[in-house]
Amino acid sequence: MEALAKAKFLHISPRKARLVADAIRGLKVGEALNKLKFTPKKAAGLFIKVVNSAVANASQRPGVDVDKLVIKKAYVDEGPTQKRWRPRAMGRAFIIRKRSSHITVVVAER
């Protein structure tokens, strides 16, 4: 049985968040949370929340053993990008892209 959790419109670039997603994909939930706790990246804290939410969603289903849950899928999609302008030399403008992400975690019993 699978359980899913999403966090949307997070203010972190998808490229940075995918580094953390690749590190926890396929691990047991306990191992993944332990690894995330000691990962010095902003995305690690965001993934802790999403993994805990997915575990809570799975525990609501009858007959699911929380100790046997594995992170089946963990992926990051690109959210909307805010565009800001920065003045540059000789009257030009330079665009600054403030990217956002949607994080999805799927846990399943092994």
N, C-alpha and C. Protein backbone atom coordinates (compact mmCIF):
# COMPACT_ATOMS: atom_id res chain seq x y z
N MET A 1 0.84 -1.18 0.00
CA MET A 1 0.00 0.00 0.00
C MET A 1 0.89 1.25 0.00
N GLU A 2 0.54 2.19 -0.83
CA GLU A 2 1.33 3.41 -0.96
C GLU A 2 0.65 4.59 -0.27
N ALA A 3 1.45 5.52 0.18
CA ALA A 3 0.96 6.78 0.73
C ALA A 3 1.80 7.91 0.16
N LEU A 4 1.15 9.03 -0.11
CA LEU A 4 1.80 10.13 -0.81
C LEU A 4 1.69 11.41 0.02
N ALA A 5 2.71 12.25 -0.08
CA ALA A 5 2.67 13.58 0.55
C ALA A 5 3.36 14.56 -0.38
N LYS A 6 2.80 15.77 -0.45
CA LYS A 6 3.36 16.81 -1.31
C LYS A 6 3.54 18.09 -0.51
N ALA A 7 4.57 18.83 -0.88
CA ALA A 7 4.75 20.20 -0.39
C ALA A 7 4.93 21.05 -1.63
N LYS A 8 4.08 22.07 -1.77
CA LYS A 8 4.08 22.86 -3.00
C LYS A 8 4.50 24.30 -2.74
N PHE A 9 5.02 24.92 -3.78
CA PHE A 9 5.40 26.34 -3.78
C PHE A 9 6.48 26.65 -2.74
N LEU A 10 7.46 25.76 -2.61
CA LEU A 10 8.56 25.98 -1.67
C LEU A 10 9.62 26.86 -2.31
N HIS A 11 10.18 27.78 -1.54
CA HIS A 11 11.14 28.73 -2.07
C HIS A 11 12.56 28.16 -2.04
N ILE A 12 12.78 27.20 -2.93
CA ILE A 12 14.10 26.63 -3.14
C ILE A 12 14.15 26.17 -4.59
N SER A 13 15.30 26.30 -5.20
CA SER A 13 15.38 25.93 -6.61
C SER A 13 15.31 24.40 -6.74
N PRO A 14 14.64 23.90 -7.77
CA PRO A 14 14.50 22.45 -7.94
C PRO A 14 15.83 21.73 -8.08
N ARG A 15 16.81 22.38 -8.68
CA ARG A 15 18.11 21.75 -8.87
C ARG A 15 18.78 21.45 -7.53
N LYS A 16 18.65 22.38 -6.58
CA LYS A 16 19.23 22.17 -5.26
C LYS A 16 18.47 21.11 -4.48
N ALA A 17 17.15 21.08 -4.62
CA ALA A 17 16.34 20.12 -3.88
C ALA A 17 16.51 18.70 -4.42
N ARG A 18 16.78 18.57 -5.71
CA ARG A 18 16.94 17.23 -6.30
C ARG A 18 18.18 16.51 -5.76
N LEU A 19 19.18 17.26 -5.32
CA LEU A 19 20.36 16.63 -4.72
C LEU A 19 19.97 15.83 -3.48
N VAL A 20 19.07 16.38 -2.68
CA VAL A 20 18.63 15.71 -1.46
C VAL A 20 17.69 14.56 -1.81
N ALA A 21 16.82 14.75 -2.80
CA ALA A 21 15.88 13.70 -3.20
C ALA A 21 16.63 12.46 -3.67
N ASP A 22 17.70 12.66 -4.43
CA ASP A 22 18.49 11.52 -4.92
C ASP A 22 19.16 10.77 -3.78
N ALA A 23 19.47 11.47 -2.69
CA ALA A 23 20.17 10.84 -1.57
C ALA A 23 19.27 9.92 -0.75
N ILE A 24 17.95 10.18 -0.73
CA ILE A 24 17.08 9.38 0.14
C ILE A 24 16.20 8.39 -0.61
N ARG A 25 16.17 8.47 -1.92
CA ARG A 25 15.30 7.58 -2.70
C ARG A 25 15.70 6.12 -2.50
N GLY A 26 14.73 5.26 -2.14
CA GLY A 26 14.97 3.84 -1.97
C GLY A 26 15.36 3.42 -0.56
N LEU A 27 15.56 4.36 0.35
CA LEU A 27 15.95 4.02 1.72
C LEU A 27 14.73 3.72 2.58
N LYS A 28 14.96 3.00 3.68
CA LYS A 28 13.91 2.85 4.69
C LYS A 28 13.65 4.21 5.32
N VAL A 29 12.44 4.40 5.82
CA VAL A 29 12.05 5.71 6.33
C VAL A 29 12.93 6.15 7.50
N GLY A 30 13.25 5.24 8.42
CA GLY A 30 14.09 5.58 9.55
C GLY A 30 15.49 6.01 9.12
N GLU A 31 16.06 5.26 8.17
CA GLU A 31 17.39 5.62 7.66
C GLU A 31 17.36 6.96 6.93
N ALA A 32 16.30 7.18 6.17
CA ALA A 32 16.19 8.43 5.41
C ALA A 32 16.08 9.62 6.35
N LEU A 33 15.27 9.52 7.39
CA LEU A 33 15.12 10.63 8.33
C LEU A 33 16.43 10.90 9.06
N ASN A 34 17.15 9.83 9.40
CA ASN A 34 18.45 10.00 10.07
C ASN A 34 19.45 10.69 9.13
N LYS A 35 19.46 10.29 7.88
CA LYS A 35 20.36 10.90 6.91
C LYS A 35 20.00 12.37 6.68
N LEU A 36 18.70 12.66 6.61
CA LEU A 36 18.27 14.04 6.39
C LEU A 36 18.62 14.94 7.57
N LYS A 37 18.55 14.37 8.78
CA LYS A 37 18.84 15.16 9.98
C LYS A 37 20.27 15.70 9.96
N PHE A 38 21.20 14.97 9.35
CA PHE A 38 22.59 15.38 9.34
C PHE A 38 23.06 15.89 7.98
N THR A 39 22.12 16.19 7.10
CA THR A 39 22.47 16.76 5.80
C THR A 39 22.43 18.28 5.90
N PRO A 40 23.54 18.96 5.63
CA PRO A 40 23.60 20.42 5.83
C PRO A 40 23.06 21.20 4.63
N LYS A 41 21.83 20.95 4.24
CA LYS A 41 21.20 21.67 3.14
C LYS A 41 19.81 22.11 3.56
N LYS A 42 19.35 23.23 3.00
CA LYS A 42 18.02 23.74 3.31
C LYS A 42 16.94 22.73 2.92
N ALA A 43 17.14 22.05 1.79
CA ALA A 43 16.15 21.10 1.30
C ALA A 43 15.95 19.92 2.25
N ALA A 44 16.96 19.60 3.04
CA ALA A 44 16.85 18.47 3.96
C ALA A 44 15.74 18.71 4.99
N GLY A 45 15.65 19.92 5.52
CA GLY A 45 14.59 20.24 6.47
C GLY A 45 13.22 20.17 5.83
N LEU A 46 13.12 20.57 4.58
CA LEU A 46 11.84 20.49 3.87
C LEU A 46 11.45 19.03 3.63
N PHE A 47 12.43 18.21 3.27
CA PHE A 47 12.15 16.79 3.03
C PHE A 47 11.76 16.07 4.31
N ILE A 48 12.31 16.46 5.46
CA ILE A 48 11.92 15.84 6.73
C ILE A 48 10.43 16.02 6.96
N LYS A 49 9.92 17.22 6.71
CA LYS A 49 8.50 17.48 6.90
C LYS A 49 7.64 16.65 5.96
N VAL A 50 8.06 16.54 4.70
CA VAL A 50 7.26 15.81 3.72
C VAL A 50 7.29 14.30 4.01
N VAL A 51 8.44 13.77 4.40
CA VAL A 51 8.53 12.34 4.73
C VAL A 51 7.68 12.02 5.96
N ASN A 52 7.75 12.87 6.98
CA ASN A 52 6.90 12.65 8.16
C ASN A 52 5.42 12.70 7.81
N SER A 53 5.04 13.58 6.91
CA SER A 53 3.65 13.67 6.48
C SER A 53 3.23 12.40 5.72
N ALA A 54 4.11 11.89 4.87
CA ALA A 54 3.80 10.66 4.13
C ALA A 54 3.66 9.47 5.08
N VAL A 55 4.50 9.41 6.11
CA VAL A 55 4.40 8.32 7.10
C VAL A 55 3.09 8.44 7.87
N ALA A 56 2.69 9.66 8.23
CA ALA A 56 1.43 9.86 8.93
C ALA A 56 0.25 9.47 8.04
N ASN A 57 0.34 9.77 6.75
CA ASN A 57 -0.73 9.38 5.83
C ASN A 57 -0.81 7.86 5.71
N ALA A 58 0.35 7.19 5.70
CA ALA A 58 0.36 5.73 5.60
C ALA A 58 -0.18 5.09 6.87
N SER A 59 0.08 5.69 8.03
CA SER A 59 -0.36 5.08 9.28
C SER A 59 -1.88 5.13 9.45
N GLN A 60 -2.55 5.97 8.66
CA GLN A 60 -4.01 6.05 8.74
C GLN A 60 -4.70 4.87 8.06
N ARG A 61 -3.98 4.16 7.22
CA ARG A 61 -4.57 3.02 6.51
C ARG A 61 -4.47 1.76 7.38
N PRO A 62 -5.52 0.96 7.40
CA PRO A 62 -5.47 -0.25 8.23
C PRO A 62 -4.50 -1.29 7.67
N GLY A 63 -3.78 -1.94 8.57
CA GLY A 63 -2.88 -3.02 8.19
C GLY A 63 -1.53 -2.59 7.67
N VAL A 64 -1.16 -1.34 7.86
CA VAL A 64 0.14 -0.86 7.39
C VAL A 64 1.10 -0.81 8.57
N ASP A 65 2.26 -1.48 8.42
CA ASP A 65 3.29 -1.46 9.44
C ASP A 65 4.26 -0.31 9.13
N VAL A 66 4.28 0.69 10.00
CA VAL A 66 5.09 1.89 9.76
C VAL A 66 6.58 1.57 9.76
N ASP A 67 6.99 0.54 10.48
CA ASP A 67 8.42 0.20 10.57
C ASP A 67 8.95 -0.39 9.27
N LYS A 68 8.08 -0.87 8.39
CA LYS A 68 8.51 -1.50 7.14
C LYS A 68 8.39 -0.57 5.93
N LEU A 69 8.12 0.72 6.17
CA LEU A 69 7.94 1.65 5.07
C LEU A 69 9.28 2.02 4.42
N VAL A 70 9.24 2.14 3.10
CA VAL A 70 10.40 2.50 2.30
C VAL A 70 10.01 3.68 1.42
N ILE A 71 10.96 4.57 1.16
CA ILE A 71 10.69 5.69 0.26
C ILE A 71 10.76 5.16 -1.17
N LYS A 72 9.59 4.97 -1.77
CA LYS A 72 9.51 4.41 -3.11
C LYS A 72 9.87 5.45 -4.17
N LYS A 73 9.29 6.64 -4.03
CA LYS A 73 9.57 7.73 -4.97
C LYS A 73 9.82 9.00 -4.18
N ALA A 74 10.76 9.78 -4.64
CA ALA A 74 11.01 11.12 -4.10
C ALA A 74 11.47 11.97 -5.27
N TYR A 75 10.65 12.94 -5.64
CA TYR A 75 11.02 13.77 -6.78
C TYR A 75 10.61 15.21 -6.56
N VAL A 76 11.24 16.08 -7.34
CA VAL A 76 11.05 17.52 -7.21
C VAL A 76 10.65 18.07 -8.58
N ASP A 77 9.51 18.74 -8.63
CA ASP A 77 9.06 19.40 -9.85
C ASP A 77 9.25 20.90 -9.71
N GLU A 78 9.34 21.57 -10.84
CA GLU A 78 9.54 23.00 -10.83
C GLU A 78 8.21 23.71 -10.64
N GLY A 79 8.20 24.68 -9.73
CA GLY A 79 7.02 25.49 -9.50
C GLY A 79 7.13 26.79 -10.28
N PRO A 80 6.24 27.73 -10.00
CA PRO A 80 6.30 29.00 -10.71
C PRO A 80 7.56 29.80 -10.35
N THR A 81 8.05 30.57 -11.30
CA THR A 81 9.25 31.37 -11.11
C THR A 81 8.88 32.84 -11.03
N GLN A 82 9.32 33.50 -9.98
CA GLN A 82 9.13 34.94 -9.86
C GLN A 82 10.27 35.63 -10.61
N LYS A 83 9.93 36.66 -11.36
CA LYS A 83 10.95 37.37 -12.12
C LYS A 83 11.12 38.77 -11.55
N ARG A 84 12.35 39.12 -11.26
CA ARG A 84 12.68 40.43 -10.72
C ARG A 84 13.74 41.06 -11.62
N TRP A 85 13.80 42.38 -11.65
CA TRP A 85 14.75 43.09 -12.50
C TRP A 85 15.81 43.77 -11.66
N ARG A 86 17.03 43.75 -12.16
CA ARG A 86 18.17 44.35 -11.48
C ARG A 86 18.81 45.34 -12.46
N PRO A 87 19.00 46.57 -12.05
CA PRO A 87 19.64 47.52 -12.95
C PRO A 87 21.12 47.17 -13.16
N ARG A 88 21.57 47.33 -14.41
CA ARG A 88 22.96 47.04 -14.76
C ARG A 88 23.56 48.26 -15.46
N ALA A 89 24.76 48.13 -15.90
CA ALA A 89 25.48 49.25 -16.50
C ALA A 89 24.84 49.70 -17.81
N MET A 90 24.99 50.96 -18.12
CA MET A 90 24.54 51.57 -19.38
C MET A 90 23.04 51.43 -19.59
N GLY A 91 22.27 51.49 -18.52
CA GLY A 91 20.81 51.50 -18.64
C GLY A 91 20.18 50.16 -18.94
N ARG A 92 20.92 49.10 -18.86
CA ARG A 92 20.35 47.78 -19.13
C ARG A 92 19.68 47.22 -17.89
N ALA A 93 18.88 46.18 -18.09
CA ALA A 93 18.23 45.48 -16.97
C ALA A 93 18.64 44.01 -17.03
N PHE A 94 18.78 43.42 -15.87
CA PHE A 94 19.20 42.03 -15.75
C PHE A 94 18.12 41.29 -14.98
N ILE A 95 17.66 40.15 -15.50
CA ILE A 95 16.56 39.43 -14.86
C ILE A 95 17.10 38.50 -13.78
N ILE A 96 16.42 38.49 -12.65
CA ILE A 96 16.72 37.57 -11.56
C ILE A 96 15.53 36.63 -11.42
N ARG A 97 15.80 35.34 -11.49
CA ARG A 97 14.73 34.33 -11.39
C ARG A 97 14.73 33.74 -9.99
N LYS A 98 13.61 33.91 -9.29
CA LYS A 98 13.45 33.31 -7.96
C LYS A 98 12.59 32.07 -8.15
N ARG A 99 13.26 30.93 -8.17
CA ARG A 99 12.58 29.68 -8.51
C ARG A 99 11.90 29.06 -7.29
N SER A 100 10.88 28.23 -7.56
CA SER A 100 10.19 27.52 -6.49
C SER A 100 10.04 26.06 -6.91
N SER A 101 9.67 25.22 -5.94
CA SER A 101 9.64 23.77 -6.16
C SER A 101 8.38 23.15 -5.58
N HIS A 102 8.01 22.00 -6.13
CA HIS A 102 6.99 21.13 -5.57
C HIS A 102 7.70 19.81 -5.23
N ILE A 103 7.66 19.40 -3.96
CA ILE A 103 8.33 18.17 -3.52
C ILE A 103 7.26 17.10 -3.30
N THR A 104 7.48 15.91 -3.84
CA THR A 104 6.57 14.78 -3.70
C THR A 104 7.34 13.58 -3.16
N VAL A 105 6.77 12.93 -2.14
CA VAL A 105 7.37 11.72 -1.56
C VAL A 105 6.29 10.64 -1.50
N VAL A 106 6.62 9.45 -2.00
CA VAL A 106 5.72 8.30 -1.94
C VAL A 106 6.40 7.22 -1.11
N VAL A 107 5.71 6.74 -0.08
CA VAL A 107 6.24 5.65 0.74
C VAL A 107 5.37 4.42 0.52
N ALA A 108 5.99 3.25 0.60
CA ALA A 108 5.28 1.99 0.43
C ALA A 108 5.91 0.94 1.33
N GLU A 109 5.13 -0.11 1.61
CA GLU A 109 5.69 -1.22 2.40
C GLU A 109 6.57 -2.08 1.53
N ARG A 110 7.67 -2.54 2.11
CA ARG A 110 8.57 -3.41 1.34
C ARG A 110 8.01 -4.80 1.28
